[in-house]
C-alpha atoms as a PDB file:
ATOM      1  CA  MET A   1     -23.629   1.820   6.242  1.00  0.00           C
ATOM      2  CA  THR A   2     -22.757   4.303   3.738  1.00  0.00           C
ATOM      3  CA  ARG A   3     -19.763   2.832   1.761  1.00  0.00           C
ATOM      4  CA  THR A   4     -16.398   4.528   1.792  1.00  0.00           C
ATOM      5  CA  PHE A   5     -13.870   4.098  -1.172  1.00  0.00           C
ATOM      6  CA  ARG A   6     -10.311   5.729  -1.640  1.00  0.00           C
ATOM      7  CA  PHE A   7      -7.896   6.702  -3.907  1.00  0.00           C
ATOM      8  CA  ALA A   8      -4.219   6.550  -2.391  1.00  0.00           C
ATOM      9  CA  PRO A   9      -1.129   7.661  -4.837  1.00  0.00           C
ATOM     10  CA  SER A  10       2.337   8.572  -3.540  1.00  0.00           C
ATOM     11  CA  PRO A  11       3.118  12.290  -4.642  1.00  0.00           C
ATOM     12  CA  ASN A  12       6.946  11.083  -6.095  1.00  0.00           C
ATOM     13  CA  GLY A  13       5.816  12.010 -10.073  1.00  0.00           C
ATOM     14  CA  ASP A  14       2.745  12.466 -12.371  1.00  0.00           C
ATOM     15  CA  LEU A  15      -0.554  10.104 -12.857  1.00  0.00           C
ATOM     16  CA  HIS A  16      -0.591   7.569 -15.594  1.00  0.00           C
ATOM     17  CA  LEU A  17      -3.140   5.755 -17.187  1.00  0.00           C
ATOM     18  CA  GLY A  18      -2.997   3.350 -14.580  1.00  0.00           C
ATOM     19  CA  HIS A  19      -3.362   5.638 -11.969  1.00  0.00           C
ATOM     20  CA  ALA A  20      -6.505   6.833 -13.882  1.00  0.00           C
ATOM     21  CA  TYR A  21      -8.218   3.642 -14.233  1.00  0.00           C
ATOM     22  CA  SER A  22      -7.728   3.155 -10.775  1.00  0.00           C
ATOM     23  CA  ALA A  23      -8.951   6.723  -9.340  1.00  0.00           C
ATOM     24  CA  LEU A  24     -11.867   6.416 -11.694  1.00  0.00           C
ATOM     25  CA  LEU A  25     -13.154   3.130 -10.952  1.00  0.00           C
ATOM     26  CA  ASN A  26     -13.274   4.408  -7.540  1.00  0.00           C
ATOM     27  CA  GLY A  27     -15.197   6.874  -8.513  1.00  0.00           C
ATOM     28  CA  ASP A  28     -17.559   5.088 -10.078  1.00  0.00           C
ATOM     29  CA  LEU A  29     -17.820   2.577  -7.622  1.00  0.00           C
ATOM     30  CA  ALA A  30     -18.792   5.118  -5.319  1.00  0.00           C
ATOM     31  CA  ARG A  31     -21.055   7.258  -6.817  1.00  0.00           C
ATOM     32  CA  GLU A  32     -22.872   3.682  -8.008  1.00  0.00           C
ATOM     33  CA  ALA A  33     -23.128   2.714  -4.205  1.00  0.00           C
ATOM     34  CA  GLY A  34     -24.442   6.254  -2.966  1.00  0.00           C
ATOM     35  CA  GLY A  35     -21.168   6.288  -1.522  1.00  0.00           C
ATOM     36  CA  ARG A  36     -17.951   8.603  -0.522  1.00  0.00           C
ATOM     37  CA  LEU A  37     -14.910   9.012  -2.362  1.00  0.00           C
ATOM     38  CA  LEU A  38     -11.795  10.024  -0.659  1.00  0.00           C
ATOM     39  CA  ILE A  39      -8.326  11.263  -1.532  1.00  0.00           C
ATOM     40  CA  ARG A  40      -5.383  10.401   0.569  1.00  0.00           C
ATOM     41  CA  MET A  41      -1.684  11.095  -0.273  1.00  0.00           C
ATOM     42  CA  GLU A  42       1.104   8.586   0.553  1.00  0.00           C
ATOM     43  CA  ASP A  43       3.788  10.359   1.156  1.00  0.00           C
ATOM     44  CA  ILE A  44       5.941   8.732   4.302  1.00  0.00           C
ATOM     45  CA  ASP A  45       8.742   9.058   1.644  1.00  0.00           C
ATOM     46  CA  GLU A  46       9.488  12.558   2.301  1.00  0.00           C
ATOM     47  CA  THR A  47      12.729  12.405   0.164  1.00  0.00           C
ATOM     48  CA  ARG A  48      10.963  11.558  -2.815  1.00  0.00           C
ATOM     49  CA  CYS A  49       7.149  12.561  -2.381  1.00  0.00           C
ATOM     50  CA  ARG A  50       6.769  16.519  -3.350  1.00  0.00           C
ATOM     51  CA  ARG A  51       3.856  18.862  -2.810  1.00  0.00           C
ATOM     52  CA  GLU A  52       4.597  20.106  -6.289  1.00  0.00           C
ATOM     53  CA  PHE A  53       3.582  16.485  -7.398  1.00  0.00           C
ATOM     54  CA  GLU A  54       0.325  16.469  -4.663  1.00  0.00           C
ATOM     55  CA  ALA A  55      -0.897  19.904  -6.854  1.00  0.00           C
ATOM     56  CA  SER A  56      -0.462  18.431  -9.965  1.00  0.00           C
ATOM     57  CA  ILE A  57      -2.181  14.629  -8.948  1.00  0.00           C
ATOM     58  CA  LEU A  58      -5.191  16.604  -7.805  1.00  0.00           C
ATOM     59  CA  GLU A  59      -5.404  19.316 -10.723  1.00  0.00           C
ATOM     60  CA  ASP A  60      -5.548  15.888 -12.988  1.00  0.00           C
ATOM     61  CA  LEU A  61      -8.022  14.577 -10.798  1.00  0.00           C
ATOM     62  CA  ALA A  62     -10.474  17.289 -11.249  1.00  0.00           C
ATOM     63  CA  TRP A  63      -9.516  17.353 -14.886  1.00  0.00           C
ATOM     64  CA  LEU A  64     -10.937  13.724 -14.504  1.00  0.00           C
ATOM     65  CA  GLY A  65     -13.847  14.988 -13.452  1.00  0.00           C
ATOM     66  CA  LEU A  66     -13.686  13.401  -9.930  1.00  0.00           C
ATOM     67  CA  ALA A  67     -15.106  14.821  -6.900  1.00  0.00           C
ATOM     68  CA  TRP A  68     -13.788  13.731  -3.276  1.00  0.00           C
ATOM     69  CA  GLU A  69     -14.218  14.658   0.100  1.00  0.00           C
ATOM     70  CA  GLN A  70     -12.195  17.203   1.682  1.00  0.00           C
ATOM     71  CA  PRO A  71      -9.804  17.155   3.454  1.00  0.00           C
ATOM     72  CA  VAL A  72      -7.286  15.411   1.450  1.00  0.00           C
ATOM     73  CA  ARG A  73      -5.408  13.415   3.847  1.00  0.00           C
ATOM     74  CA  ARG A  74      -1.532  13.430   4.274  1.00  0.00           C
ATOM     75  CA  GLN A  75       0.400  10.490   5.548  1.00  0.00           C
ATOM     76  CA  SER A  76       3.288  13.060   6.135  1.00  0.00           C
ATOM     77  CA  GLU A  77       0.942  14.713   8.728  1.00  0.00           C
ATOM     78  CA  HIS A  78      -0.250  11.627  10.961  1.00  0.00           C
ATOM     79  CA  PHE A  79       3.266  10.148  12.357  1.00  0.00           C
ATOM     80  CA  ASP A  80       1.342   9.854  15.412  1.00  0.00           C
ATOM     81  CA  ALA A  81      -1.358   7.228  14.619  1.00  0.00           C
ATOM     82  CA  TYR A  82       1.454   4.968  13.343  1.00  0.00           C
ATOM     83  CA  ALA A  83       3.793   5.092  16.331  1.00  0.00           C
ATOM     84  CA  ALA A  84       0.805   4.258  18.484  1.00  0.00           C
ATOM     85  CA  ALA A  85       0.186   1.451  16.184  1.00  0.00           C
ATOM     86  CA  LEU A  86       4.110   0.366  16.635  1.00  0.00           C
ATOM     87  CA  ASP A  87       3.815   1.075  20.066  1.00  0.00           C
ATOM     88  CA  ARG A  88       0.872  -1.577  20.390  1.00  0.00           C
ATOM     89  CA  LEU A  89       2.497  -4.144  18.779  1.00  0.00           C
ATOM     90  CA  LYS A  90       5.996  -3.430  20.834  1.00  0.00           C
ATOM     91  CA  ALA A  91       3.988  -3.760  24.123  1.00  0.00           C
ATOM     92  CA  MET A  92       2.929  -7.321  22.418  1.00  0.00           C
ATOM     93  CA  ASP A  93       6.448  -8.202  21.921  1.00  0.00           C
ATOM     94  CA  LEU A  94       5.379  -8.763  17.943  1.00  0.00           C
ATOM     95  CA  VAL A  95       8.281  -6.532  16.169  1.00  0.00           C
ATOM     96  CA  TYR A  96      12.235  -6.304  16.683  1.00  0.00           C
ATOM     97  CA  PRO A  97      14.901  -4.161  15.608  1.00  0.00           C
ATOM     98  CA  SER A  98      16.893  -5.496  12.520  1.00  0.00           C
ATOM     99  CA  PHE A  99      20.479  -3.779  12.249  1.00  0.00           C
ATOM    100  CA  LEU A 100      21.068  -6.168   8.934  1.00  0.00           C
ATOM    101  CA  SER A 101      22.204  -3.438   6.042  1.00  0.00           C
ATOM    102  CA  ARG A 102      21.352  -4.288   2.390  1.00  0.00           C
ATOM    103  CA  ALA A 103      25.029  -5.626   1.384  1.00  0.00           C
ATOM    104  CA  GLU A 104      24.527  -7.831   4.368  1.00  0.00           C
ATOM    105  CA  ILE A 105      20.823  -9.170   3.456  1.00  0.00           C
ATOM    106  CA  ARG A 106      22.349  -9.988  -0.088  1.00  0.00           C
ATOM    107  CA  ALA A 107      25.075 -11.697   1.301  1.00  0.00           C
ATOM    108  CA  ALA A 108      23.364 -13.843   3.548  1.00  0.00           C
ATOM    109  CA  THR A 109      20.546 -14.803   1.415  1.00  0.00           C
ATOM    110  CA  ALA A 110      22.250 -15.190  -2.094  1.00  0.00           C
ATOM    111  CA  ASP A 111      21.995 -19.174  -2.454  1.00  0.00           C
ATOM    112  CA  PRO A 112      19.575 -19.169  -5.412  1.00  0.00           C
ATOM    113  CA  ASP A 113      16.840 -21.462  -3.374  1.00  0.00           C
ATOM    114  CA  TRP A 114      16.846 -18.965  -0.329  1.00  0.00           C
ATOM    115  CA  PRO A 115      12.934 -18.088   0.019  1.00  0.00           C
ATOM    116  CA  ARG A 116      11.487 -15.456  -1.635  1.00  0.00           C
ATOM    117  CA  ASP A 117       8.626 -13.382  -1.015  1.00  0.00           C
ATOM    118  CA  PRO A 118       5.555 -12.465  -3.878  1.00  0.00           C
ATOM    119  CA  ASP A 119       7.546  -9.464  -5.406  1.00  0.00           C
ATOM    120  CA  GLY A 120      10.661 -11.782  -6.037  1.00  0.00           C
ATOM    121  CA  ALA A 121      12.793 -10.172  -2.813  1.00  0.00           C
ATOM    122  CA  PRO A 122      14.573 -12.006  -0.854  1.00  0.00           C
ATOM    123  CA  LEU A 123      12.761 -12.863   3.087  1.00  0.00           C
ATOM    124  CA  TYR A 124      14.529 -11.734   5.614  1.00  0.00           C
ATOM    125  CA  PRO A 125      17.381 -13.814   7.449  1.00  0.00           C
ATOM    126  CA  GLY A 126      16.174 -12.737  11.117  1.00  0.00           C
ATOM    127  CA  PHE A 127      19.696 -13.331  12.054  1.00  0.00           C
ATOM    128  CA  ASP A 128      18.710 -10.358  14.920  1.00  0.00           C
ATOM    129  CA  ARG A 129      15.455 -11.850  15.943  1.00  0.00           C
ATOM    130  CA  ASP A 130      16.674 -13.082  19.119  1.00  0.00           C
ATOM    131  CA  LEU A 131      19.295 -10.134  19.924  1.00  0.00           C
ATOM    132  CA  SER A 132      18.096  -9.670  23.994  1.00  0.00           C
ATOM    133  CA  ALA A 133      16.514  -6.581  24.928  1.00  0.00           C
ATOM    134  CA  LYS A 134      19.922  -5.412  25.833  1.00  0.00           C
ATOM    135  CA  ALA A 135      22.032  -5.655  22.899  1.00  0.00           C
ATOM    136  CA  ALA A 136      19.276  -4.379  20.611  1.00  0.00           C
ATOM    137  CA  SER A 137      18.884  -1.167  22.731  1.00  0.00           C
ATOM    138  CA  ALA A 138      23.016  -0.979  22.452  1.00  0.00           C
ATOM    139  CA  LYS A 139      23.141  -1.524  18.939  1.00  0.00           C
ATOM    140  CA  ILE A 140      20.515   1.373  18.967  1.00  0.00           C
ATOM    141  CA  ALA A 141      22.408   3.579  21.215  1.00  0.00           C
ATOM    142  CA  SER A 142      25.360   3.392  18.958  1.00  0.00           C
ATOM    143  CA  GLY A 143      23.871   4.923  16.049  1.00  0.00           C
ATOM    144  CA  MET A 144      23.136   1.965  14.007  1.00  0.00           C
ATOM    145  CA  PRO A 145      20.707   2.203  11.130  1.00  0.00           C
ATOM    146  CA  TYR A 146      17.971  -0.098  12.039  1.00  0.00           C
ATOM    147  CA  ALA A 147      13.961  -0.907  11.201  1.00  0.00           C
ATOM    148  CA  TRP A 148      11.859  -2.568  13.179  1.00  0.00           C
ATOM    149  CA  ARG A 149      10.441  -5.878  11.442  1.00  0.00           C
ATOM    150  CA  LEU A 150       7.295  -7.803  12.427  1.00  0.00           C
ATOM    151  CA  ASN A 151       8.252 -11.482  14.359  1.00  0.00           C
ATOM    152  CA  MET A 152       5.905 -13.221  11.963  1.00  0.00           C
ATOM    153  CA  ASP A 153       6.010 -16.737  13.449  1.00  0.00           C
ATOM    154  CA  ALA A 154       4.603 -15.068  16.688  1.00  0.00           C
ATOM    155  CA  ALA A 155       2.064 -12.537  14.807  1.00  0.00           C
ATOM    156  CA  LEU A 156       0.436 -15.718  13.407  1.00  0.00           C
ATOM    157  CA  ALA A 157       0.825 -17.738  16.314  1.00  0.00           C
ATOM    158  CA  ARG A 158      -1.138 -14.613  18.164  1.00  0.00           C
ATOM    159  CA  THR A 159      -3.929 -14.775  15.449  1.00  0.00           C
ATOM    160  CA  GLY A 160      -4.287 -17.954  13.510  1.00  0.00           C
ATOM    161  CA  PRO A 161      -5.754 -18.665   9.749  1.00  0.00           C
ATOM    162  CA  LEU A 162      -6.324 -15.694   8.342  1.00  0.00           C
ATOM    163  CA  ALA A 163      -8.766 -14.749   5.550  1.00  0.00           C
ATOM    164  CA  PHE A 164      -9.913 -11.538   3.257  1.00  0.00           C
ATOM    165  CA  ARG A 165     -12.765 -10.946   1.727  1.00  0.00           C
ATOM    166  CA  GLU A 166     -12.204 -10.395  -2.425  1.00  0.00           C
ATOM    167  CA  THR A 167     -14.997  -9.038  -4.301  1.00  0.00           C
ATOM    168  CA  GLY A 168     -13.090  -8.855  -7.837  1.00  0.00           C
ATOM    169  CA  ARG A 169     -10.682 -11.443  -8.794  1.00  0.00           C
ATOM    170  CA  GLY A 170      -6.988 -11.918  -7.763  1.00  0.00           C
ATOM    171  CA  PRO A 171      -4.239 -12.373 -10.357  1.00  0.00           C
ATOM    172  CA  ASP A 172      -5.097 -16.302 -10.263  1.00  0.00           C
ATOM    173  CA  GLY A 173      -8.674 -15.874 -10.487  1.00  0.00           C
ATOM    174  CA  GLN A 174      -9.157 -15.787  -6.359  1.00  0.00           C
ATOM    175  CA  THR A 175     -12.321 -14.443  -5.475  1.00  0.00           C
ATOM    176  CA  GLY A 176     -15.232 -14.532  -2.608  1.00  0.00           C
ATOM    177  CA  ALA A 177     -12.847 -15.941   1.010  1.00  0.00           C
ATOM    178  CA  VAL A 178      -9.374 -16.004   0.343  1.00  0.00           C
ATOM    179  CA  ALA A 179      -6.869 -17.513   2.548  1.00  0.00           C
ATOM    180  CA  ALA A 180      -4.045 -15.012   3.427  1.00  0.00           C
ATOM    181  CA  ASP A 181      -0.749 -16.065   3.627  1.00  0.00           C
ATOM    182  CA  PRO A 182       1.504 -13.619   5.235  1.00  0.00           C
ATOM    183  CA  ALA A 183       4.022 -15.993   5.915  1.00  0.00           C
ATOM    184  CA  ARG A 184       5.184 -15.957   2.242  1.00  0.00           C
ATOM    185  CA  TRP A 185       6.722 -12.114   3.216  1.00  0.00           C
ATOM    186  CA  GLY A 186       8.774 -13.695   6.409  1.00  0.00           C
ATOM    187  CA  ASP A 187       9.290 -10.580   8.660  1.00  0.00           C
ATOM    188  CA  VAL A 188       8.434  -7.403   7.222  1.00  0.00           C
ATOM    189  CA  VAL A 189       9.588  -3.950   7.891  1.00  0.00           C
ATOM    190  CA  ILE A 190       6.856  -2.159  10.166  1.00  0.00           C
ATOM    191  CA  ALA A 191       8.721   0.896  10.528  1.00  0.00           C
ATOM    192  CA  ARG A 192      12.051   2.613  10.218  1.00  0.00           C
ATOM    193  CA  LYS A 193      14.650   4.526  12.713  1.00  0.00           C
ATOM    194  CA  GLU A 194      13.647   7.541  10.887  1.00  0.00           C
ATOM    195  CA  ILE A 195      10.130   7.413  10.357  1.00  0.00           C
ATOM    196  CA  PRO A 196       7.516   5.240  12.447  1.00  0.00           C
ATOM    197  CA  THR A 197       6.099   3.379   9.892  1.00  0.00           C
ATOM    198  CA  SER A 198       5.896   1.811   6.572  1.00  0.00           C
ATOM    199  CA  TYR A 199       3.603   1.362   3.835  1.00  0.00           C
ATOM    200  CA  HIS A 200       2.030  -1.677   5.428  1.00  0.00           C
ATOM    201  CA  LEU A 201       1.292  -0.192   8.860  1.00  0.00           C
ATOM    202  CA  SER A 202       0.035   2.902   7.467  1.00  0.00           C
ATOM    203  CA  VAL A 203      -2.448   1.792   5.169  1.00  0.00           C
ATOM    204  CA  VAL A 204      -4.122  -0.043   7.408  1.00  0.00           C
ATOM    205  CA  VAL A 205      -4.146   2.301   9.984  1.00  0.00           C
ATOM    206  CA  ASP A 206      -5.661   5.302   7.610  1.00  0.00           C
ATOM    207  CA  ASP A 207      -8.398   2.777   6.124  1.00  0.00           C
ATOM    208  CA  ALA A 208      -9.644   2.261   9.666  1.00  0.00           C
ATOM    209  CA  LEU A 209      -9.239   5.813  10.673  1.00  0.00           C
ATOM    210  CA  GLN A 210     -10.921   7.322   7.467  1.00  0.00           C
ATOM    211  CA  GLY A 211     -13.721   4.360   7.198  1.00  0.00           C
ATOM    212  CA  ILE A 212     -12.782   2.817   4.544  1.00  0.00           C
ATOM    213  CA  SER A 213     -15.311  -0.081   3.544  1.00  0.00           C
ATOM    214  CA  ASP A 214     -14.049  -0.538   0.109  1.00  0.00           C
ATOM    215  CA  VAL A 215     -10.385  -0.707  -0.728  1.00  0.00           C
ATOM    216  CA  VAL A 216     -10.448  -0.997  -4.599  1.00  0.00           C
ATOM    217  CA  ARG A 217      -6.893  -1.023  -5.716  1.00  0.00           C
ATOM    218  CA  GLY A 218      -4.259  -3.135  -8.343  1.00  0.00           C
ATOM    219  CA  GLU A 219      -3.607  -6.510  -8.837  1.00  0.00           C
ATOM    220  CA  ASP A 220      -0.387  -6.076  -7.705  1.00  0.00           C
ATOM    221  CA  LEU A 221      -1.042  -5.254  -3.950  1.00  0.00           C
ATOM    222  CA  PHE A 222      -3.116  -8.555  -4.156  1.00  0.00           C
ATOM    223  CA  HIS A 223      -0.767 -10.978  -1.890  1.00  0.00           C
ATOM    224  CA  ALA A 224      -0.043  -7.430   0.364  1.00  0.00           C
ATOM    225  CA  THR A 225      -3.401  -8.145   1.505  1.00  0.00           C
ATOM    226  CA  SER A 226      -2.552 -11.178   3.616  1.00  0.00           C
ATOM    227  CA  VAL A 227       0.046  -9.032   5.352  1.00  0.00           C
ATOM    228  CA  HIS A 228      -2.586  -6.091   5.970  1.00  0.00           C
ATOM    229  CA  ARG A 229      -5.300  -8.754   7.101  1.00  0.00           C
ATOM    230  CA  LEU A 230      -2.743  -9.767   9.486  1.00  0.00           C
ATOM    231  CA  LEU A 231      -2.086  -5.809  10.954  1.00  0.00           C
ATOM    232  CA  GLN A 232      -5.569  -5.589  11.327  1.00  0.00           C
ATOM    233  CA  MET A 233      -6.595  -8.388  13.665  1.00  0.00           C
ATOM    234  CA  LEU A 234      -3.011  -8.248  15.723  1.00  0.00           C
ATOM    235  CA  LEU A 235      -4.123  -3.917  16.091  1.00  0.00           C
ATOM    236  CA  GLY A 236      -8.054  -5.075  16.170  1.00  0.00           C
ATOM    237  CA  LEU A 237      -9.337  -2.787  13.399  1.00  0.00           C
ATOM    238  CA  PRO A 238     -12.058  -3.307  11.004  1.00  0.00           C
ATOM    239  CA  GLU A 239     -11.706  -5.340   7.974  1.00  0.00           C
ATOM    240  CA  PRO A 240     -12.759  -3.935   4.340  1.00  0.00           C
ATOM    241  CA  ARG A 241     -13.873  -5.468   1.508  1.00  0.00           C
ATOM    242  CA  TYR A 242     -10.772  -5.780  -1.181  1.00  0.00           C
ATOM    243  CA  ARG A 243     -11.154  -5.871  -4.928  1.00  0.00           C
ATOM    244  CA  HIS A 244      -7.912  -5.938  -6.981  1.00  0.00           C
ATOM    245  CA  HIS A 245      -8.516  -4.977 -10.304  1.00  0.00           C
ATOM    246  CA  GLY A 246      -6.595  -5.585 -13.507  1.00  0.00           C
ATOM    247  CA  LEU A 247      -3.350  -3.563 -14.336  1.00  0.00           C
ATOM    248  CA  ILE A 248      -2.840  -1.260 -17.480  1.00  0.00           C
ATOM    249  CA  ARG A 249       0.332  -2.566 -19.547  1.00  0.00           C
ATOM    250  CA  ASP A 250       2.568  -0.656 -22.312  1.00  0.00           C
ATOM    251  CA  ALA A 251       2.767  -2.908 -25.471  1.00  0.00           C
ATOM    252  CA  ALA A 252       5.533  -5.042 -23.851  1.00  0.00           C
ATOM    253  CA  GLY A 253       3.044  -6.276 -21.424  1.00  0.00           C
ATOM    254  CA  ARG A 254       4.634  -4.603 -18.366  1.00  0.00           C
ATOM    255  CA  LYS A 255       2.314  -2.574 -15.878  1.00  0.00           C
ATOM    256  CA  LEU A 256       2.906   1.121 -16.484  1.00  0.00           C
ATOM    257  CA  SER A 257       5.348   2.745 -13.889  1.00  0.00           C
ATOM    258  CA  LYS A 258       6.756   6.609 -12.970  1.00  0.00           C
ATOM    259  CA  SER A 259       9.938   4.832 -12.830  1.00  0.00           C
ATOM    260  CA  GLU A 260      10.151   3.463 -16.110  1.00  0.00           C
ATOM    261  CA  GLY A 261       8.586   7.107 -17.950  1.00  0.00           C
ATOM    262  CA  ALA A 262       5.479   5.959 -18.458  1.00  0.00           C
ATOM    263  CA  THR A 263       3.419   9.055 -20.456  1.00  0.00           C
ATOM    264  CA  GLY A 264       1.729  11.415 -18.244  1.00  0.00           C
ATOM    265  CA  LEU A 265      -2.069  12.540 -18.109  1.00  0.00           C
ATOM    266  CA  ARG A 266      -0.353  15.813 -17.821  1.00  0.00           C
ATOM    267  CA  GLN A 267       0.814  14.948 -21.600  1.00  0.00           C
ATOM    268  CA  LEU A 268      -2.109  13.223 -22.634  1.00  0.00           C
ATOM    269  CA  ARG A 269      -3.886  16.195 -21.857  1.00  0.00           C
ATOM    270  CA  GLU A 270      -1.589  18.772 -23.412  1.00  0.00           C
ATOM    271  CA  ALA A 271      -1.705  16.184 -26.471  1.00  0.00           C
ATOM    272  CA  GLY A 272      -5.642  17.048 -26.930  1.00  0.00           C
ATOM    273  CA  MET A 273      -7.054  13.995 -25.482  1.00  0.00           C
ATOM    274  CA  THR A 274     -10.376  14.269 -23.172  1.00  0.00           C
ATOM    275  CA  PRO A 275     -11.765  12.948 -20.088  1.00  0.00           C
ATOM    276  CA  ALA A 276     -14.151  11.001 -22.379  1.00  0.00           C
ATOM    277  CA  ASP A 277     -10.868   9.626 -24.119  1.00  0.00           C
ATOM    278  CA  ILE A 278      -9.240   9.079 -20.760  1.00  0.00           C
ATOM    279  CA  ARG A 279     -12.327   6.648 -20.026  1.00  0.00           C
ATOM    280  CA  ALA A 280     -12.412   5.095 -23.202  1.00  0.00           C
ATOM    281  CA  ARG A 281      -8.302   3.837 -23.158  1.00  0.00           C
ATOM    282  CA  VAL A 282      -8.669   2.164 -19.728  1.00  0.00           C
ATOM    283  CA  GLY A 283     -12.041   0.613 -20.739  1.00  0.00           C
ATOM    284  CA  LEU A 284     -14.539   2.232 -18.756  1.00  0.00           C
ATOM    285  CA  GLN A 285     -17.978   3.601 -19.817  1.00  0.00           C
ATOM    286  CA  PRO A 286     -18.722   6.514 -20.031  1.00  0.00           C
ATOM    287  CA  THR A 287     -20.428   8.444 -17.018  1.00  0.00           C
ATOM    288  CA  PRO A 288     -23.903   9.008 -17.032  1.00  0.00           C
ATOM    289  CA  SER A 289     -23.382  13.214 -17.636  1.00  0.00           C
ATOM    290  CA  THR A 290     -21.158  12.327 -20.877  1.00  0.00           C
END
């Protein structure tokens, strides 16, 4: 079977060195395996994602020397596929509408001992998990904002213990068959009132529809893989191999971030750096043609 890799940026800013490393690594692995490289635009956040950023990203990737199959998949063009997956979870009675505002969540979880997810956010209190269908429908009909959340306990009762295949190393050295622990995330958001999906739902649906065999991404998403493995099992989707790579960090040891103003590839290119310079800077060997 042909191995298929993907690089999936969000077009909400310019690429930086961290993105370059992940994109180039996926390209190298696809070439070494005689496989395919796909590009996906994770643009479900329609308020922050813009087409001009998408064009800039594709230009940067081409400048780096990457070649990928067409067409580029845009998540914003496939809400029907995500809505269908959400409907399947609803039919299994595994999701519920949650109505607490951010302020209400902060107030309910103010206790310093309140459990938190791997990213440090407090777990959702779940006060509305047991609302009757009639009460929930009345809230929705009134126009209250809401999100669809996964009932984690019910989901895990259906699947039992889970694991995923890590072909690299997790942040704590995990490799091989890794026990998944989605319960650490609590009742995660699966979709929202205005958008019938979330990162977690769309990424597993896309990986399945695009035939992704190898998910190669930063170690900051290692723990999220537990949620993805759970959704794959619930929806009957294939299980890819995972490889979580180290992150490119700044002088203070922080991972590079668009929101923190990390220097973009375009700026580095304008300063005179070449694609070979970028490869050396992120610790990758020259390509066979350089």
